Amino acid sequence: MNSSVPEQLSERAERFIASVLALDVKLAIFDCDGTLWERDSGVLFFRWEQKRGLLSAEALQWILPRHAEYEQNRTIAEEVMCGDMVTIHSGLEESFLRSEADRFWHEQIHGCIFPEMFKLTHALRDRGVDLWAISSTNNWVVEVGSEFFGIPREHVLAAEVHVENGVATNRLVRVPSGPDKAIAIREVIQRSPDAVFGNSIFDLDMMELASHPFAIHPNPDLRAIAELRGWPIYEPLQ
């Protein structure tokens, strides 16, 4: 196990991992923010970029009031905001963005991963389970984190723009949020998942595709649905 992850987990955590492994799943899909790690890497990367001066003044002039409107009034749809937060990188070298995403994830997110989820994904991988990550955060950040969890970069479906000649454009490939997470599964993976792990209402549509949906550290709205439907709920922070 990675040296940053505790070797010894609680009995409750071990029981949770064992309960998933007992299902003998073949395809497992994970949300990332709030499911594999505690913090919202999309928002934190946005703040990181501002502090490090990575975004142009023109991009900031456009995105800052939109993001404030989104946070305060929610009049901008989740998937639209997530798309905006990746298209603002138009004109930047992808190699630079990947380098910054790697540095950011290890400095800001690495310390708040859920150890039992780390152990679970690696145990599933070792059993030959097909692992995927689906997130509305930009793919540069999600790919770094997912790889740490044993999920290959090519199995990441995240907010993504087309890259031309090594430079990010403002043309979206996809923004998997809400119903679009289920659509991404149908279009790219083209199989029904055995298990899906999510934490928010924006994961509901893909969780409904699974034979075994798991609510991990769920937000109140997803928790209410999980309780009503009898889905397993697991709290890593207890």
Protein backbone atom coordinates (compact mmCIF):
# COMPACT_ATOMS: atom_id res chain seq x y z
CA MET A 1 0.00 0.00 0.00
CA ASN A 2 1.17 3.56 -0.64
CA SER A 3 3.16 4.90 2.32
CA SER A 4 0.77 7.84 2.72
CA VAL A 5 -2.18 5.51 3.36
CA PRO A 6 -2.56 3.83 6.78
CA GLU A 7 -1.83 0.13 6.73
CA GLN A 8 -4.36 -0.51 9.49
CA LEU A 9 -7.97 0.48 8.89
CA SER A 10 -10.86 0.26 11.32
CA GLU A 11 -12.90 -2.91 11.57
CA ARG A 12 -15.85 -0.99 10.13
CA ALA A 13 -13.79 0.07 7.11
CA GLU A 14 -12.55 -3.46 6.56
CA ARG A 15 -16.11 -4.80 6.73
CA PHE A 16 -17.19 -2.29 4.11
CA ILE A 17 -14.37 -3.28 1.77
CA ALA A 18 -15.11 -6.98 2.31
CA SER A 19 -18.81 -6.41 1.56
CA VAL A 20 -17.96 -4.90 -1.82
CA LEU A 21 -15.41 -7.55 -2.71
CA ALA A 22 -17.93 -10.27 -1.86
CA LEU A 23 -20.13 -9.07 -4.72
CA ASP A 24 -17.56 -10.25 -7.27
CA VAL A 25 -18.15 -7.25 -9.54
CA LYS A 26 -16.62 -6.98 -13.02
CA LEU A 27 -17.16 -3.25 -13.72
CA ALA A 28 -17.01 -0.59 -11.01
CA ILE A 29 -17.39 3.16 -11.53
CA PHE A 30 -16.42 5.89 -9.08
CA ASP A 31 -17.24 9.54 -8.70
CA CYS A 32 -14.20 11.40 -7.35
CA ASP A 33 -14.81 14.60 -5.34
CA GLY A 34 -16.49 13.58 -2.10
CA THR A 35 -16.30 9.88 -2.98
CA LEU A 36 -12.61 9.00 -3.35
CA TRP A 37 -11.38 12.11 -1.54
CA GLU A 38 -13.09 14.57 0.76
CA ARG A 39 -12.46 17.93 -0.92
CA ASP A 40 -13.92 19.53 -4.06
CA SER A 41 -10.89 19.45 -6.34
CA GLY A 42 -12.64 21.44 -9.08
CA VAL A 43 -13.28 24.49 -6.92
CA LEU A 44 -9.91 24.23 -5.19
CA PHE A 45 -8.04 24.02 -8.50
CA PHE A 46 -9.89 27.14 -9.66
CA ARG A 47 -8.69 28.99 -6.55
CA TRP A 48 -5.19 27.57 -6.99
CA GLU A 49 -5.04 28.89 -10.53
CA GLN A 50 -6.04 32.35 -9.40
CA LYS A 51 -3.38 32.45 -6.69
CA ARG A 52 -0.69 31.25 -9.07
CA GLY A 53 -1.72 33.62 -11.83
CA LEU A 54 -2.34 30.87 -14.37
CA LEU A 55 -5.45 32.39 -15.92
CA SER A 56 -5.48 35.45 -18.12
CA ALA A 57 -7.07 38.70 -16.97
CA GLU A 58 -9.61 38.31 -19.76
CA ALA A 59 -10.59 34.82 -18.58
CA LEU A 60 -10.90 35.98 -14.97
CA GLN A 61 -12.99 38.99 -15.92
CA TRP A 62 -15.45 36.59 -17.53
CA ILE A 63 -15.44 33.65 -15.13
CA LEU A 64 -15.31 35.30 -11.69
CA PRO A 65 -18.76 36.95 -11.83
CA ARG A 66 -20.25 33.80 -13.36
CA HIS A 67 -18.82 31.62 -10.61
CA ALA A 68 -20.04 34.04 -7.94
CA GLU A 69 -23.51 33.96 -9.46
CA TYR A 70 -23.41 30.17 -9.53
CA GLU A 71 -22.39 29.89 -5.88
CA GLN A 72 -24.79 32.53 -4.58
CA ASN A 73 -27.95 31.96 -6.59
CA ARG A 74 -27.52 28.66 -8.49
CA THR A 75 -29.08 30.26 -11.56
CA ILE A 76 -26.34 28.70 -13.68
CA ALA A 77 -26.71 24.94 -14.15
CA GLU A 78 -24.07 22.68 -12.60
CA GLU A 79 -23.00 21.21 -15.92
CA VAL A 80 -22.73 24.67 -17.51
CA MET A 81 -20.52 25.95 -14.70
CA CYS A 82 -18.31 22.87 -14.83
CA GLY A 83 -17.96 23.35 -18.57
CA ASP A 84 -17.02 27.01 -18.09
CA MET A 85 -14.35 26.05 -15.57
CA VAL A 86 -12.56 23.92 -18.16
CA THR A 87 -13.03 26.12 -21.24
CA ILE A 88 -11.32 29.04 -19.46
CA HIS A 89 -8.04 27.22 -20.17
CA SER A 90 -8.34 27.83 -23.88
CA GLY A 91 -4.96 28.80 -25.33
CA LEU A 92 -2.86 27.16 -22.61
CA GLU A 93 -0.41 24.36 -23.32
CA GLU A 94 -1.83 21.05 -22.16
CA SER A 95 1.58 19.92 -20.89
CA PHE A 96 1.62 22.98 -18.62
CA LEU A 97 -1.90 22.26 -17.38
CA ARG A 98 -1.02 18.65 -16.64
CA SER A 99 2.08 19.72 -14.72
CA GLU A 100 0.07 22.19 -12.65
CA ALA A 101 -2.70 19.64 -12.04
CA ASP A 102 -0.17 17.10 -10.77
CA ARG A 103 1.39 19.60 -8.40
CA PHE A 104 -2.01 20.82 -7.22
CA TRP A 105 -3.43 17.34 -6.54
CA HIS A 106 -0.46 16.22 -4.49
CA GLU A 107 -0.34 19.46 -2.50
CA GLN A 108 -4.06 20.06 -1.98
CA ILE A 109 -5.95 16.77 -2.37
CA HIS A 110 -3.56 13.91 -1.62
CA GLY A 111 -3.82 14.50 2.13
CA CYS A 112 -7.61 14.20 2.22
CA ILE A 113 -8.21 10.92 0.38
CA PHE A 114 -10.42 8.30 1.99
CA PRO A 115 -8.01 5.44 2.90
CA GLU A 116 -10.67 2.75 2.69
CA MET A 117 -11.59 3.87 -0.82
CA PHE A 118 -7.91 3.71 -1.77
CA LYS A 119 -7.67 0.17 -0.41
CA LEU A 120 -10.94 -0.80 -2.09
CA THR A 121 -10.01 0.41 -5.57
CA HIS A 122 -6.64 -1.30 -5.42
CA ALA A 123 -8.20 -4.54 -4.16
CA LEU A 124 -10.69 -4.43 -7.01
CA ARG A 125 -7.93 -3.69 -9.52
CA ASP A 126 -5.88 -6.62 -8.22
CA ARG A 127 -8.90 -8.87 -8.83
CA GLY A 128 -9.08 -7.75 -12.45
CA VAL A 129 -12.14 -5.52 -12.04
CA ASP A 130 -12.59 -2.91 -14.78
CA LEU A 131 -12.36 0.44 -12.97
CA TRP A 132 -13.56 3.83 -14.25
CA ALA A 133 -13.78 7.32 -12.78
CA ILE A 134 -16.43 9.84 -13.84
CA SER A 135 -16.29 13.45 -12.66
CA SER A 136 -17.40 16.94 -13.63
CA THR A 137 -14.01 18.32 -12.54
CA ASN A 138 -11.45 18.92 -15.29
CA ASN A 139 -9.76 15.81 -16.62
CA TRP A 140 -6.21 17.02 -15.89
CA VAL A 141 -6.83 16.97 -12.13
CA VAL A 142 -9.06 13.89 -12.13
CA GLU A 143 -6.57 11.83 -14.11
CA VAL A 144 -3.84 12.48 -11.53
CA GLY A 145 -6.09 11.48 -8.64
CA SER A 146 -7.63 8.48 -10.35
CA GLU A 147 -4.24 7.09 -11.28
CA PHE A 148 -3.27 7.24 -7.60
CA PHE A 149 -6.33 5.08 -6.91
CA GLY A 150 -5.31 2.52 -9.51
CA ILE A 151 -7.71 3.75 -12.18
CA PRO A 152 -5.91 4.25 -15.52
CA ARG A 153 -6.02 7.70 -17.11
CA GLU A 154 -7.71 6.31 -20.20
CA HIS A 155 -10.57 5.18 -17.95
CA VAL A 156 -11.36 8.73 -16.79
CA LEU A 157 -14.44 10.53 -18.10
CA ALA A 158 -14.29 14.11 -16.84
CA ALA A 159 -14.92 17.69 -17.94
CA GLU A 160 -12.70 17.90 -20.99
CA VAL A 161 -11.96 20.16 -23.95
CA HIS A 162 -10.49 19.30 -27.31
CA VAL A 163 -6.73 19.80 -27.53
CA GLU A 164 -5.19 20.89 -30.83
CA ASN A 165 -1.43 20.90 -31.42
CA GLY A 166 -0.89 20.52 -27.68
CA VAL A 167 -3.04 23.55 -26.81
CA ALA A 168 -6.40 23.52 -24.99
CA THR A 169 -9.36 24.90 -26.95
CA ASN A 170 -12.74 26.14 -25.76
CA ARG A 171 -14.58 23.26 -27.47
CA LEU A 172 -15.97 20.79 -24.99
CA VAL A 173 -15.62 17.04 -25.39
CA ARG A 174 -17.99 16.30 -22.50
CA VAL A 175 -19.05 17.50 -19.06
CA PRO A 176 -20.24 14.43 -17.12
CA SER A 177 -22.65 15.75 -14.49
CA GLY A 178 -26.09 14.51 -13.54
CA PRO A 179 -27.79 12.69 -16.43
CA ASP A 180 -24.68 13.19 -18.56
CA LYS A 181 -22.76 10.78 -16.32
CA ALA A 182 -25.15 8.00 -17.33
CA ILE A 183 -24.93 9.11 -20.96
CA ALA A 184 -21.12 8.95 -20.82
CA ILE A 185 -21.32 5.39 -19.49
CA ARG A 186 -23.65 4.34 -22.30
CA GLU A 187 -21.64 6.06 -25.02
CA VAL A 188 -18.08 5.27 -23.93
CA ILE A 189 -18.12 2.21 -21.66
CA GLN A 190 -21.17 0.68 -23.32
CA ARG A 191 -21.87 -1.72 -20.47
CA SER A 192 -24.04 -1.55 -17.38
CA PRO A 193 -21.87 -1.22 -14.26
CA ASP A 194 -22.03 -3.77 -11.49
CA ALA A 195 -21.18 -1.17 -8.85
CA VAL A 196 -21.24 2.63 -8.80
CA PHE A 197 -19.99 4.80 -5.96
CA GLY A 198 -21.19 8.40 -5.61
CA ASN A 199 -21.81 11.10 -3.04
CA SER A 200 -24.24 13.64 -4.54
CA ILE A 201 -27.46 14.04 -6.46
CA PHE A 202 -25.34 14.61 -9.56
CA ASP A 203 -24.30 10.94 -9.31
CA LEU A 204 -27.85 9.61 -9.06
CA ASP A 205 -28.40 8.86 -12.75
CA MET A 206 -25.28 6.72 -13.05
CA MET A 207 -25.97 5.03 -9.71
CA GLU A 208 -29.37 3.99 -11.02
CA LEU A 209 -27.61 2.05 -13.80
CA ALA A 210 -25.76 -0.13 -11.29
CA SER A 211 -26.71 -3.48 -9.87
CA HIS A 212 -25.07 -2.29 -6.65
CA PRO A 213 -25.13 1.48 -6.00
CA PHE A 214 -23.17 2.76 -2.99
CA ALA A 215 -23.65 6.18 -1.40
CA ILE A 216 -20.30 7.32 -0.01
CA HIS A 217 -20.30 10.25 2.44
CA PRO A 218 -23.52 11.37 0.72
CA ASN A 219 -24.96 14.85 0.60
CA PRO A 220 -28.39 15.13 2.30
CA ASP A 221 -30.35 14.86 -0.94
CA LEU A 222 -28.61 11.67 -2.06
CA ARG A 223 -28.70 10.26 1.47
CA ALA A 224 -32.49 10.61 1.54
CA ILE A 225 -32.80 8.74 -1.76
CA ALA A 226 -30.35 6.03 -0.68
CA GLU A 227 -32.24 5.48 2.57
CA LEU A 228 -35.55 5.30 0.73
CA ARG A 229 -34.22 2.76 -1.76
CA GLY A 230 -32.19 0.75 0.72
CA TRP A 231 -28.84 1.47 -0.91
CA PRO A 232 -25.73 0.93 1.22
CA ILE A 233 -24.45 4.16 2.79
CA TYR A 234 -20.87 4.39 3.99
CA GLU A 235 -19.28 7.26 5.93
CA PRO A 236 -15.47 7.28 5.67
CA LEU A 237 -15.17 10.13 8.16
CA GLN A 238 -16.76 8.28 11.10
